[in-house]
């Protein structure tokens, strides 16, 4: 699958609208200083917000950035967990041109699979592991569980497994996207970026013409994403347009229409977007990875110590689970 290597431009502002160049530099400096404090002198609480400078005018923007990365504000984020991720990450965020959904579907196509088949119980019997589903019982020799931490507790393990309480310290944050169609899109360069309101922790992050398409990708995290979930499609579009129109003029509203909105918290078998470790509990990822036995292993982005919230982190954790249960990846 082809990959688009264009820069995400997250720390730039199209034409500096509403976010002057000197303000962008000051905000970026505040972010760099926060990361330096987290690494050099982490607060004893392990709570990332305790490393903020009281009264710093860029604290709301720093919380917005945390909400994009973690799905949660800094007061809910473990410093140690953040650093594990940050030390492994690069500044690149490339897109598969066919979309992640197509990529995952292609990877899974050769395998027997059943969609829309919720599992309510996993029972370890002497002769097999039984999965109780709405469509009956499935038997297997070994099982890899990749259920999100927010819904893992809805599965009964019989006999009970130790270590699953680690999932409680890895709650799912929230990040949602709103896709908007854009008329006369050629006015904007590919991947032009705007922050809606750099003084708000709930602001949207807007990418114009991703992959060259005539759309705006609106990204909200944390409290902003929660607000998006409470609105219908029209209301969600208005939320974004209020910010965009304040920067591009009221006539811009006529050029935009909603296409689709994600509402991950409302997904009954997911319950959020991606995990963050609560302060003082960065070790929960390893504890959840070690839960199970010689017939059950756990995988998913929440298991990854350095690549949580990513598809590749989930994929790598799956390979590690296969090796744990089978000795190698076939």
C-alpha atoms as a PDB file:
ATOM      1  CA  UNK A   1       0.000   0.000   0.000  1.00  0.00           C
ATOM      2  CA  UNK A   2       1.327   3.428  -0.948  1.00  0.00           C
ATOM      3  CA  UNK A   3       2.313   5.748   1.891  1.00  0.00           C
ATOM      4  CA  UNK A   4       2.079   9.537   1.875  1.00  0.00           C
ATOM      5  CA  UNK A   5       5.218  10.974   3.469  1.00  0.00           C
ATOM      6  CA  UNK A   6       3.986  14.578   3.676  1.00  0.00           C
ATOM      7  CA  UNK A   7       4.607  16.455   6.919  1.00  0.00           C
ATOM      8  CA  UNK A   8       1.695  16.739   9.325  1.00  0.00           C
ATOM      9  CA  UNK A   9       2.528  20.427   9.974  1.00  0.00           C
ATOM     10  CA  UNK A  10       0.942  20.267  13.440  1.00  0.00           C
ATOM     11  CA  UNK A  11       3.114  23.055  14.827  1.00  0.00           C
ATOM     12  CA  UNK A  12       2.475  25.481  11.961  1.00  0.00           C
ATOM     13  CA  UNK A  13      -0.420  27.856  11.292  1.00  0.00           C
ATOM     14  CA  UNK A  14      -1.667  28.572   7.784  1.00  0.00           C
ATOM     15  CA  UNK A  15      -0.848  32.212   7.001  1.00  0.00           C
ATOM     16  CA  UNK A  16      -0.326  32.715  10.743  1.00  0.00           C
ATOM     17  CA  UNK A  17      -4.048  33.440  11.063  1.00  0.00           C
ATOM     18  CA  UNK A  18      -5.052  34.002  14.684  1.00  0.00           C
ATOM     19  CA  UNK A  19      -1.735  32.547  15.805  1.00  0.00           C
ATOM     20  CA  UNK A  20       1.125  34.896  14.962  1.00  0.00           C
ATOM     21  CA  UNK A  21       4.589  33.567  14.245  1.00  0.00           C
ATOM     22  CA  UNK A  22       5.987  34.868  17.519  1.00  0.00           C
ATOM     23  CA  UNK A  23       3.106  33.194  19.384  1.00  0.00           C
ATOM     24  CA  UNK A  24       3.758  29.908  17.591  1.00  0.00           C
ATOM     25  CA  UNK A  25       7.405  30.142  18.611  1.00  0.00           C
ATOM     26  CA  UNK A  26       6.453  30.889  22.214  1.00  0.00           C
ATOM     27  CA  UNK A  27       3.987  27.975  22.316  1.00  0.00           C
ATOM     28  CA  UNK A  28       6.556  25.596  20.830  1.00  0.00           C
ATOM     29  CA  UNK A  29       9.132  26.812  23.360  1.00  0.00           C
ATOM     30  CA  UNK A  30       6.651  26.171  26.183  1.00  0.00           C
ATOM     31  CA  UNK A  31       6.139  22.627  24.903  1.00  0.00           C
ATOM     32  CA  UNK A  32       9.891  21.998  24.660  1.00  0.00           C
ATOM     33  CA  UNK A  33      10.397  23.392  28.167  1.00  0.00           C
ATOM     34  CA  UNK A  34       7.631  21.179  29.557  1.00  0.00           C
ATOM     35  CA  UNK A  35       9.211  18.094  28.041  1.00  0.00           C
ATOM     36  CA  UNK A  36      12.604  19.091  29.401  1.00  0.00           C
ATOM     37  CA  UNK A  37      11.161  19.456  32.908  1.00  0.00           C
ATOM     38  CA  UNK A  38       9.365  16.131  32.621  1.00  0.00           C
ATOM     39  CA  UNK A  39      12.614  14.412  31.674  1.00  0.00           C
ATOM     40  CA  UNK A  40      15.059  16.252  33.937  1.00  0.00           C
ATOM     41  CA  UNK A  41      12.965  16.887  37.028  1.00  0.00           C
ATOM     42  CA  UNK A  42       9.761  14.830  36.912  1.00  0.00           C
ATOM     43  CA  UNK A  43       7.255  15.636  39.654  1.00  0.00           C
ATOM     44  CA  UNK A  44       7.114  13.122  42.490  1.00  0.00           C
ATOM     45  CA  UNK A  45       3.392  12.698  41.797  1.00  0.00           C
ATOM     46  CA  UNK A  46       4.140  11.395  38.276  1.00  0.00           C
ATOM     47  CA  UNK A  47       1.254  13.692  37.222  1.00  0.00           C
ATOM     48  CA  UNK A  48       2.219  15.595  34.093  1.00  0.00           C
ATOM     49  CA  UNK A  49       0.194  18.691  34.987  1.00  0.00           C
ATOM     50  CA  UNK A  50       2.363  19.193  38.089  1.00  0.00           C
ATOM     51  CA  UNK A  51       5.213  20.129  35.746  1.00  0.00           C
ATOM     52  CA  UNK A  52       3.280  23.066  34.267  1.00  0.00           C
ATOM     53  CA  UNK A  53       4.461  26.558  35.134  1.00  0.00           C
ATOM     54  CA  UNK A  54       1.678  28.256  37.119  1.00  0.00           C
ATOM     55  CA  UNK A  55       0.184  31.092  35.125  1.00  0.00           C
ATOM     56  CA  UNK A  56       1.933  30.241  31.873  1.00  0.00           C
ATOM     57  CA  UNK A  57      -0.401  31.577  29.130  1.00  0.00           C
ATOM     58  CA  UNK A  58       0.322  28.527  26.976  1.00  0.00           C
ATOM     59  CA  UNK A  59      -0.885  25.972  29.522  1.00  0.00           C
ATOM     60  CA  UNK A  60      -4.279  25.576  27.774  1.00  0.00           C
ATOM     61  CA  UNK A  61      -2.494  24.902  24.481  1.00  0.00           C
ATOM     62  CA  UNK A  62      -0.207  22.374  26.177  1.00  0.00           C
ATOM     63  CA  UNK A  63      -3.300  20.592  27.482  1.00  0.00           C
ATOM     64  CA  UNK A  64      -4.720  20.597  23.964  1.00  0.00           C
ATOM     65  CA  UNK A  65      -1.540  18.949  22.670  1.00  0.00           C
ATOM     66  CA  UNK A  66      -1.758  16.348  25.440  1.00  0.00           C
ATOM     67  CA  UNK A  67      -5.362  15.652  24.461  1.00  0.00           C
ATOM     68  CA  UNK A  68      -4.266  14.889  20.892  1.00  0.00           C
ATOM     69  CA  UNK A  69      -1.413  12.634  22.028  1.00  0.00           C
ATOM     70  CA  UNK A  70      -3.078  10.952  25.015  1.00  0.00           C
ATOM     71  CA  UNK A  71      -6.772  11.661  24.565  1.00  0.00           C
ATOM     72  CA  UNK A  72      -6.648  13.335  27.984  1.00  0.00           C
ATOM     73  CA  UNK A  73      -5.441  16.483  29.706  1.00  0.00           C
ATOM     74  CA  UNK A  74      -2.126  16.560  31.543  1.00  0.00           C
ATOM     75  CA  UNK A  75      -3.660  16.064  34.996  1.00  0.00           C
ATOM     76  CA  UNK A  76      -4.686  12.527  33.991  1.00  0.00           C
ATOM     77  CA  UNK A  77      -1.381  11.515  32.386  1.00  0.00           C
ATOM     78  CA  UNK A  78       1.609   9.663  33.867  1.00  0.00           C
ATOM     79  CA  UNK A  79       4.924  11.404  33.254  1.00  0.00           C
ATOM     80  CA  UNK A  80       6.805   8.113  32.973  1.00  0.00           C
ATOM     81  CA  UNK A  81       4.291   6.852  30.431  1.00  0.00           C
ATOM     82  CA  UNK A  82       4.526  10.047  28.367  1.00  0.00           C
ATOM     83  CA  UNK A  83       8.339   9.844  28.335  1.00  0.00           C
ATOM     84  CA  UNK A  84       8.317   6.205  27.225  1.00  0.00           C
ATOM     85  CA  UNK A  85       6.211   7.251  24.242  1.00  0.00           C
ATOM     86  CA  UNK A  86       8.046  10.493  23.506  1.00  0.00           C
ATOM     87  CA  UNK A  87      11.501   8.904  23.598  1.00  0.00           C
ATOM     88  CA  UNK A  88      10.435   6.336  20.991  1.00  0.00           C
ATOM     89  CA  UNK A  89       8.438   8.642  18.717  1.00  0.00           C
ATOM     90  CA  UNK A  90       9.609  10.683  15.767  1.00  0.00           C
ATOM     91  CA  UNK A  91       8.091  13.858  14.343  1.00  0.00           C
ATOM     92  CA  UNK A  92       6.679  11.899  11.378  1.00  0.00           C
ATOM     93  CA  UNK A  93       3.094  10.771  11.049  1.00  0.00           C
ATOM     94  CA  UNK A  94       2.667   9.248   7.595  1.00  0.00           C
ATOM     95  CA  UNK A  95      -0.626   8.170   6.070  1.00  0.00           C
ATOM     96  CA  UNK A  96      -1.392   5.003   4.089  1.00  0.00           C
ATOM     97  CA  UNK A  97      -3.159   6.312   1.002  1.00  0.00           C
ATOM     98  CA  UNK A  98      -5.864   3.673   1.154  1.00  0.00           C
ATOM     99  CA  UNK A  99      -6.568   4.346   4.828  1.00  0.00           C
ATOM    100  CA  UNK A 100      -5.805   2.324   7.945  1.00  0.00           C
ATOM    101  CA  UNK A 101      -9.081   0.429   7.611  1.00  0.00           C
ATOM    102  CA  UNK A 102      -8.024  -0.928   4.226  1.00  0.00           C
ATOM    103  CA  UNK A 103      -4.594  -1.818   5.587  1.00  0.00           C
ATOM    104  CA  UNK A 104      -6.035  -3.764   8.519  1.00  0.00           C
ATOM    105  CA  UNK A 105      -8.575  -5.493   6.266  1.00  0.00           C
ATOM    106  CA  UNK A 106      -5.788  -6.563   3.913  1.00  0.00           C
ATOM    107  CA  UNK A 107      -3.743  -8.000   6.780  1.00  0.00           C
ATOM    108  CA  UNK A 108      -6.712  -9.954   8.091  1.00  0.00           C
ATOM    109  CA  UNK A 109      -8.106 -11.162   4.769  1.00  0.00           C
ATOM    110  CA  UNK A 110      -6.121 -14.468   4.614  1.00  0.00           C
ATOM    111  CA  UNK A 111      -7.331 -15.482   8.091  1.00  0.00           C
ATOM    112  CA  UNK A 112     -10.617 -17.034   9.101  1.00  0.00           C
ATOM    113  CA  UNK A 113     -12.522 -14.377  10.996  1.00  0.00           C
ATOM    114  CA  UNK A 114     -15.940 -13.448  12.305  1.00  0.00           C
ATOM    115  CA  UNK A 115     -17.086  -9.884  12.668  1.00  0.00           C
ATOM    116  CA  UNK A 116     -19.805  -8.618  15.004  1.00  0.00           C
ATOM    117  CA  UNK A 117     -19.400 -11.637  17.286  1.00  0.00           C
ATOM    118  CA  UNK A 118     -19.005 -10.336  20.860  1.00  0.00           C
ATOM    119  CA  UNK A 119     -17.290 -12.661  23.338  1.00  0.00           C
ATOM    120  CA  UNK A 120     -18.829 -12.714  26.815  1.00  0.00           C
ATOM    121  CA  UNK A 121     -16.712 -15.428  28.468  1.00  0.00           C
ATOM    122  CA  UNK A 122     -13.376 -17.192  28.065  1.00  0.00           C
ATOM    123  CA  UNK A 123     -13.255 -20.568  29.823  1.00  0.00           C
ATOM    124  CA  UNK A 124     -10.077 -22.595  30.180  1.00  0.00           C
ATOM    125  CA  UNK A 125     -11.089 -26.248  30.162  1.00  0.00           C
ATOM    126  CA  UNK A 126      -8.687 -29.194  30.245  1.00  0.00           C
ATOM    127  CA  UNK A 127      -9.193 -29.995  26.566  1.00  0.00           C
ATOM    128  CA  UNK A 128      -9.682 -26.489  25.076  1.00  0.00           C
ATOM    129  CA  UNK A 129     -10.279 -22.814  25.618  1.00  0.00           C
ATOM    130  CA  UNK A 130     -13.943 -22.031  25.035  1.00  0.00           C
ATOM    131  CA  UNK A 131     -15.182 -18.626  23.889  1.00  0.00           C
ATOM    132  CA  UNK A 132     -18.821 -17.928  24.613  1.00  0.00           C
ATOM    133  CA  UNK A 133     -20.326 -15.638  21.974  1.00  0.00           C
ATOM    134  CA  UNK A 134     -23.759 -14.476  20.865  1.00  0.00           C
ATOM    135  CA  UNK A 135     -23.472 -17.015  18.041  1.00  0.00           C
ATOM    136  CA  UNK A 136     -22.499 -19.978  20.193  1.00  0.00           C
ATOM    137  CA  UNK A 137     -19.288 -21.456  21.553  1.00  0.00           C
ATOM    138  CA  UNK A 138     -15.948 -21.383  19.743  1.00  0.00           C
ATOM    139  CA  UNK A 139     -13.154 -23.712  20.850  1.00  0.00           C
ATOM    140  CA  UNK A 140      -9.451 -23.015  20.462  1.00  0.00           C
ATOM    141  CA  UNK A 141      -6.123 -24.275  21.736  1.00  0.00           C
ATOM    142  CA  UNK A 142      -4.890 -20.783  22.628  1.00  0.00           C
ATOM    143  CA  UNK A 143      -6.398 -17.294  22.666  1.00  0.00           C
ATOM    144  CA  UNK A 144      -5.002 -13.782  22.224  1.00  0.00           C
ATOM    145  CA  UNK A 145      -7.271 -11.123  23.721  1.00  0.00           C
ATOM    146  CA  UNK A 146      -7.104  -7.668  22.128  1.00  0.00           C
ATOM    147  CA  UNK A 147     -10.200  -6.087  23.676  1.00  0.00           C
ATOM    148  CA  UNK A 148      -9.877  -2.366  24.586  1.00  0.00           C
ATOM    149  CA  UNK A 149      -9.213  -1.686  28.253  1.00  0.00           C
ATOM    150  CA  UNK A 150     -12.551   0.129  28.610  1.00  0.00           C
ATOM    151  CA  UNK A 151     -14.541  -2.995  27.757  1.00  0.00           C
ATOM    152  CA  UNK A 152     -12.217  -5.785  28.899  1.00  0.00           C
ATOM    153  CA  UNK A 153     -14.171  -6.078  32.152  1.00  0.00           C
ATOM    154  CA  UNK A 154     -17.247  -7.186  30.221  1.00  0.00           C
ATOM    155  CA  UNK A 155     -15.592 -10.549  29.513  1.00  0.00           C
ATOM    156  CA  UNK A 156     -15.709 -13.218  32.237  1.00  0.00           C
ATOM    157  CA  UNK A 157     -12.552 -15.291  32.545  1.00  0.00           C
ATOM    158  CA  UNK A 158     -13.086 -18.703  34.078  1.00  0.00           C
ATOM    159  CA  UNK A 159     -11.096 -19.450  36.157  1.00  0.00           C
ATOM    160  CA  UNK A 160     -10.334 -15.771  36.948  1.00  0.00           C
ATOM    161  CA  UNK A 161      -7.010 -14.346  35.782  1.00  0.00           C
ATOM    162  CA  UNK A 162      -4.674 -12.286  37.919  1.00  0.00           C
ATOM    163  CA  UNK A 163      -3.353  -9.004  36.589  1.00  0.00           C
ATOM    164  CA  UNK A 164      -6.438  -7.819  34.727  1.00  0.00           C
ATOM    165  CA  UNK A 165      -6.904  -4.996  37.244  1.00  0.00           C
ATOM    166  CA  UNK A 166      -4.024  -3.297  35.407  1.00  0.00           C
ATOM    167  CA  UNK A 167      -6.539  -2.342  32.716  1.00  0.00           C
ATOM    168  CA  UNK A 168      -8.244  -0.034  35.231  1.00  0.00           C
ATOM    169  CA  UNK A 169      -5.085   2.093  35.296  1.00  0.00           C
ATOM    170  CA  UNK A 170      -4.987   2.279  31.493  1.00  0.00           C
ATOM    171  CA  UNK A 171      -8.253   4.064  30.696  1.00  0.00           C
ATOM    172  CA  UNK A 172      -9.078   5.049  27.169  1.00  0.00           C
ATOM    173  CA  UNK A 173      -8.730   8.729  26.451  1.00  0.00           C
ATOM    174  CA  UNK A 174     -10.829  10.313  23.751  1.00  0.00           C
ATOM    175  CA  UNK A 175      -9.918  11.721  20.350  1.00  0.00           C
ATOM    176  CA  UNK A 176     -12.449  12.209  17.564  1.00  0.00           C
ATOM    177  CA  UNK A 177     -12.324  13.351  13.976  1.00  0.00           C
ATOM    178  CA  UNK A 178     -14.833  15.357  11.993  1.00  0.00           C
ATOM    179  CA  UNK A 179     -14.471  15.270   8.213  1.00  0.00           C
ATOM    180  CA  UNK A 180     -15.744  18.286   6.301  1.00  0.00           C
ATOM    181  CA  UNK A 181     -16.108  18.709   2.540  1.00  0.00           C
ATOM    182  CA  UNK A 182     -14.460  21.860   1.193  1.00  0.00           C
ATOM    183  CA  UNK A 183     -15.454  23.837  -1.892  1.00  0.00           C
ATOM    184  CA  UNK A 184     -12.712  25.553  -3.898  1.00  0.00           C
ATOM    185  CA  UNK A 185     -10.196  23.535  -1.938  1.00  0.00           C
ATOM    186  CA  UNK A 186      -7.346  24.487  -4.286  1.00  0.00           C
ATOM    187  CA  UNK A 187      -6.997  27.744  -2.375  1.00  0.00           C
ATOM    188  CA  UNK A 188      -5.181  25.776   0.304  1.00  0.00           C
ATOM    189  CA  UNK A 189      -1.940  23.823  -0.137  1.00  0.00           C
ATOM    190  CA  UNK A 190      -1.885  20.116   0.646  1.00  0.00           C
ATOM    191  CA  UNK A 191      -1.680  19.478   4.391  1.00  0.00           C
ATOM    192  CA  UNK A 192      -2.080  23.123   5.380  1.00  0.00           C
ATOM    193  CA  UNK A 193      -2.712  23.222   9.113  1.00  0.00           C
ATOM    194  CA  UNK A 194      -4.545  25.501  11.528  1.00  0.00           C
ATOM    195  CA  UNK A 195      -5.145  25.494  15.274  1.00  0.00           C
ATOM    196  CA  UNK A 196      -8.630  26.837  15.869  1.00  0.00           C
ATOM    197  CA  UNK A 197      -7.990  28.698  19.129  1.00  0.00           C
ATOM    198  CA  UNK A 198      -4.473  28.491  20.537  1.00  0.00           C
ATOM    199  CA  UNK A 199      -5.704  29.753  23.917  1.00  0.00           C
ATOM    200  CA  UNK A 200      -8.197  26.922  24.450  1.00  0.00           C
ATOM    201  CA  UNK A 201      -7.552  23.416  25.756  1.00  0.00           C
ATOM    202  CA  UNK A 202     -10.576  22.214  23.751  1.00  0.00           C
ATOM    203  CA  UNK A 203      -9.541  23.597  20.387  1.00  0.00           C
ATOM    204  CA  UNK A 204      -9.637  21.639  17.172  1.00  0.00           C
ATOM    205  CA  UNK A 205      -6.623  20.875  14.998  1.00  0.00           C
ATOM    206  CA  UNK A 206      -7.463  21.273  11.295  1.00  0.00           C
ATOM    207  CA  UNK A 207      -5.660  19.765   8.306  1.00  0.00           C
ATOM    208  CA  UNK A 208      -6.666  21.033   4.884  1.00  0.00           C
ATOM    209  CA  UNK A 209      -6.541  18.752   1.844  1.00  0.00           C
ATOM    210  CA  UNK A 210      -4.912  15.682   3.431  1.00  0.00           C
ATOM    211  CA  UNK A 211      -3.721  13.396   0.621  1.00  0.00           C
ATOM    212  CA  UNK A 212      -4.826  16.183  -1.716  1.00  0.00           C
ATOM    213  CA  UNK A 213      -8.522  15.499  -1.092  1.00  0.00           C
ATOM    214  CA  UNK A 214     -11.021  18.410  -1.042  1.00  0.00           C
ATOM    215  CA  UNK A 215     -11.733  18.001   2.666  1.00  0.00           C
ATOM    216  CA  UNK A 216     -10.791  19.350   6.080  1.00  0.00           C
ATOM    217  CA  UNK A 217      -9.780  16.804   8.700  1.00  0.00           C
ATOM    218  CA  UNK A 218     -10.815  18.234  12.084  1.00  0.00           C
ATOM    219  CA  UNK A 219      -9.192  16.587  15.100  1.00  0.00           C
ATOM    220  CA  UNK A 220     -10.439  17.085  18.677  1.00  0.00           C
ATOM    221  CA  UNK A 221      -9.018  15.514  21.825  1.00  0.00           C
ATOM    222  CA  UNK A 222     -10.020  15.267  25.471  1.00  0.00           C
ATOM    223  CA  UNK A 223     -12.756  17.716  26.448  1.00  0.00           C
ATOM    224  CA  UNK A 224     -13.086  18.881  22.832  1.00  0.00           C
ATOM    225  CA  UNK A 225     -13.711  15.306  21.707  1.00  0.00           C
ATOM    226  CA  UNK A 226     -16.247  14.856  24.496  1.00  0.00           C
ATOM    227  CA  UNK A 227     -18.102  17.938  23.261  1.00  0.00           C
ATOM    228  CA  UNK A 228     -18.165  16.467  19.752  1.00  0.00           C
ATOM    229  CA  UNK A 229     -19.819  13.282  21.033  1.00  0.00           C
ATOM    230  CA  UNK A 230     -22.711  15.225  22.543  1.00  0.00           C
ATOM    231  CA  UNK A 231     -23.642  16.830  19.215  1.00  0.00           C
ATOM    232  CA  UNK A 232     -25.278  15.566  16.034  1.00  0.00           C
ATOM    233  CA  UNK A 233     -23.377  15.909  12.753  1.00  0.00           C
ATOM    234  CA  UNK A 234     -24.688  19.407  12.089  1.00  0.00           C
ATOM    235  CA  UNK A 235     -23.852  20.576  15.598  1.00  0.00           C
ATOM    236  CA  UNK A 236     -20.367  19.046  15.374  1.00  0.00           C
ATOM    237  CA  UNK A 237     -19.767  20.888  12.093  1.00  0.00           C
ATOM    238  CA  UNK A 238     -20.920  24.139  13.704  1.00  0.00           C
ATOM    239  CA  UNK A 239     -18.462  23.607  16.551  1.00  0.00           C
ATOM    240  CA  UNK A 240     -15.598  23.398  14.077  1.00  0.00           C
ATOM    241  CA  UNK A 241     -16.918  26.172  11.843  1.00  0.00           C
ATOM    242  CA  UNK A 242     -17.132  28.598  14.730  1.00  0.00           C
ATOM    243  CA  UNK A 243     -13.362  28.276  15.066  1.00  0.00           C
ATOM    244  CA  UNK A 244     -12.617  28.212  11.341  1.00  0.00           C
ATOM    245  CA  UNK A 245     -14.877  31.158  10.526  1.00  0.00           C
ATOM    246  CA  UNK A 246     -13.207  33.233  13.230  1.00  0.00           C
ATOM    247  CA  UNK A 247      -9.953  32.775  11.306  1.00  0.00           C
ATOM    248  CA  UNK A 248     -11.103  32.622   7.681  1.00  0.00           C
ATOM    249  CA  UNK A 249     -14.176  34.863   7.746  1.00  0.00           C
ATOM    250  CA  UNK A 250     -17.898  34.218   8.105  1.00  0.00           C
ATOM    251  CA  UNK A 251     -18.328  33.513   4.374  1.00  0.00           C
ATOM    252  CA  UNK A 252     -16.177  30.394   4.822  1.00  0.00           C
ATOM    253  CA  UNK A 253     -19.177  28.642   6.408  1.00  0.00           C
ATOM    254  CA  UNK A 254     -20.837  28.378   2.989  1.00  0.00           C
ATOM    255  CA  UNK A 255     -17.941  26.353   1.587  1.00  0.00           C
ATOM    256  CA  UNK A 256     -18.041  23.558   4.144  1.00  0.00           C
ATOM    257  CA  UNK A 257     -20.406  20.653   4.902  1.00  0.00           C
ATOM    258  CA  UNK A 258     -20.138  17.664   7.284  1.00  0.00           C
ATOM    259  CA  UNK A 259     -19.198  14.255   5.851  1.00  0.00           C
ATOM    260  CA  UNK A 260     -18.657  12.039   8.893  1.00  0.00           C
ATOM    261  CA  UNK A 261     -17.932  12.218  12.620  1.00  0.00           C
ATOM    262  CA  UNK A 262     -16.265   9.611  14.822  1.00  0.00           C
ATOM    263  CA  UNK A 263     -17.702   9.045  18.287  1.00  0.00           C
ATOM    264  CA  UNK A 264     -15.415   6.475  19.854  1.00  0.00           C
ATOM    265  CA  UNK A 265     -16.755   6.729  23.398  1.00  0.00           C
ATOM    266  CA  UNK A 266     -20.208   5.811  22.103  1.00  0.00           C
ATOM    267  CA  UNK A 267     -18.957   2.667  20.372  1.00  0.00           C
ATOM    268  CA  UNK A 268     -20.399  -0.076  22.625  1.00  0.00           C
ATOM    269  CA  UNK A 269     -17.490  -2.527  22.262  1.00  0.00           C
ATOM    270  CA  UNK A 270     -14.743   0.099  22.368  1.00  0.00           C
ATOM    271  CA  UNK A 271     -15.628   2.924  24.748  1.00  0.00           C
ATOM    272  CA  UNK A 272     -12.897   5.404  23.844  1.00  0.00           C
ATOM    273  CA  UNK A 273      -9.946   6.032  21.569  1.00  0.00           C
ATOM    274  CA  UNK A 274      -6.539   5.003  22.934  1.00  0.00           C
ATOM    275  CA  UNK A 275      -5.077   4.400  26.346  1.00  0.00           C
ATOM    276  CA  UNK A 276      -3.063   6.543  28.706  1.00  0.00           C
ATOM    277  CA  UNK A 277      -1.549   5.396  31.979  1.00  0.00           C
ATOM    278  CA  UNK A 278      -2.846   7.092  35.115  1.00  0.00           C
ATOM    279  CA  UNK A 279      -0.235   8.925  37.224  1.00  0.00           C
ATOM    280  CA  UNK A 280       1.827   6.447  39.190  1.00  0.00           C
ATOM    281  CA  UNK A 281       0.811   3.495  37.037  1.00  0.00           C
ATOM    282  CA  UNK A 282       3.042   3.419  33.968  1.00  0.00           C
ATOM    283  CA  UNK A 283       3.927  -0.169  34.949  1.00  0.00           C
ATOM    284  CA  UNK A 284       0.309  -1.204  34.243  1.00  0.00           C
ATOM    285  CA  UNK A 285       1.155  -1.792  30.580  1.00  0.00           C
ATOM    286  CA  UNK A 286       3.739  -4.421  31.481  1.00  0.00           C
ATOM    287  CA  UNK A 287       1.459  -5.980  34.094  1.00  0.00           C
ATOM    288  CA  UNK A 288      -1.347  -6.356  31.557  1.00  0.00           C
ATOM    289  CA  UNK A 289       1.097  -7.799  29.032  1.00  0.00           C
ATOM    290  CA  UNK A 290       2.132 -10.415  31.593  1.00  0.00           C
ATOM    291  CA  UNK A 291      -1.427 -11.385  32.561  1.00  0.00           C
ATOM    292  CA  UNK A 292      -2.680 -14.706  31.272  1.00  0.00           C
ATOM    293  CA  UNK A 293      -0.991 -18.070  31.157  1.00  0.00           C
ATOM    294  CA  UNK A 294       0.320 -20.582  28.631  1.00  0.00           C
ATOM    295  CA  UNK A 295      -3.013 -20.544  26.774  1.00  0.00           C
ATOM    296  CA  UNK A 296      -4.141 -16.912  27.013  1.00  0.00           C
ATOM    297  CA  UNK A 297      -2.166 -13.783  26.155  1.00  0.00           C
ATOM    298  CA  UNK A 298      -3.134 -10.128  25.860  1.00  0.00           C
ATOM    299  CA  UNK A 299      -2.270  -7.683  23.098  1.00  0.00           C
ATOM    300  CA  UNK A 300      -3.281  -4.273  21.770  1.00  0.00           C
ATOM    301  CA  UNK A 301      -2.017  -0.717  21.863  1.00  0.00           C
ATOM    302  CA  UNK A 302      -2.473  -0.535  25.652  1.00  0.00           C
ATOM    303  CA  UNK A 303       0.126  -3.305  26.032  1.00  0.00           C
ATOM    304  CA  UNK A 304       2.836  -1.333  24.227  1.00  0.00           C
ATOM    305  CA  UNK A 305       5.131   0.555  26.607  1.00  0.00           C
ATOM    306  CA  UNK A 306       6.495   2.968  24.003  1.00  0.00           C
ATOM    307  CA  UNK A 307       4.074   2.874  21.061  1.00  0.00           C
ATOM    308  CA  UNK A 308       0.702   2.996  22.768  1.00  0.00           C
ATOM    309  CA  UNK A 309      -2.093   4.744  20.835  1.00  0.00           C
ATOM    310  CA  UNK A 310      -0.629   3.505  17.538  1.00  0.00           C
ATOM    311  CA  UNK A 311      -1.536   0.792  15.075  1.00  0.00           C
ATOM    312  CA  UNK A 312       2.055  -0.408  14.871  1.00  0.00           C
ATOM    313  CA  UNK A 313       2.235  -0.639  18.673  1.00  0.00           C
ATOM    314  CA  UNK A 314      -0.831  -2.876  18.646  1.00  0.00           C
ATOM    315  CA  UNK A 315       0.566  -4.954  15.776  1.00  0.00           C
ATOM    316  CA  UNK A 316       3.921  -5.488  17.475  1.00  0.00           C
ATOM    317  CA  UNK A 317       2.214  -6.476  20.727  1.00  0.00           C
ATOM    318  CA  UNK A 318       0.226  -9.065  18.771  1.00  0.00           C
ATOM    319  CA  UNK A 319       3.396 -10.578  17.378  1.00  0.00           C
ATOM    320  CA  UNK A 320       4.874 -10.717  20.888  1.00  0.00           C
ATOM    321  CA  UNK A 321       1.738 -12.497  22.111  1.00  0.00           C
ATOM    322  CA  UNK A 322       2.056 -15.080  19.316  1.00  0.00           C
ATOM    323  CA  UNK A 323       5.665 -15.737  20.276  1.00  0.00           C
ATOM    324  CA  UNK A 324       4.664 -16.105  23.918  1.00  0.00           C
ATOM    325  CA  UNK A 325       2.002 -18.712  23.126  1.00  0.00           C
ATOM    326  CA  UNK A 326       3.540 -20.492  20.143  1.00  0.00           C
ATOM    327  CA  UNK A 327       7.273 -19.841  20.399  1.00  0.00           C
ATOM    328  CA  UNK A 328       7.582 -18.058  17.032  1.00  0.00           C
ATOM    329  CA  UNK A 329       5.692 -16.030  14.451  1.00  0.00           C
ATOM    330  CA  UNK A 330       4.888 -18.351  11.550  1.00  0.00           C
END
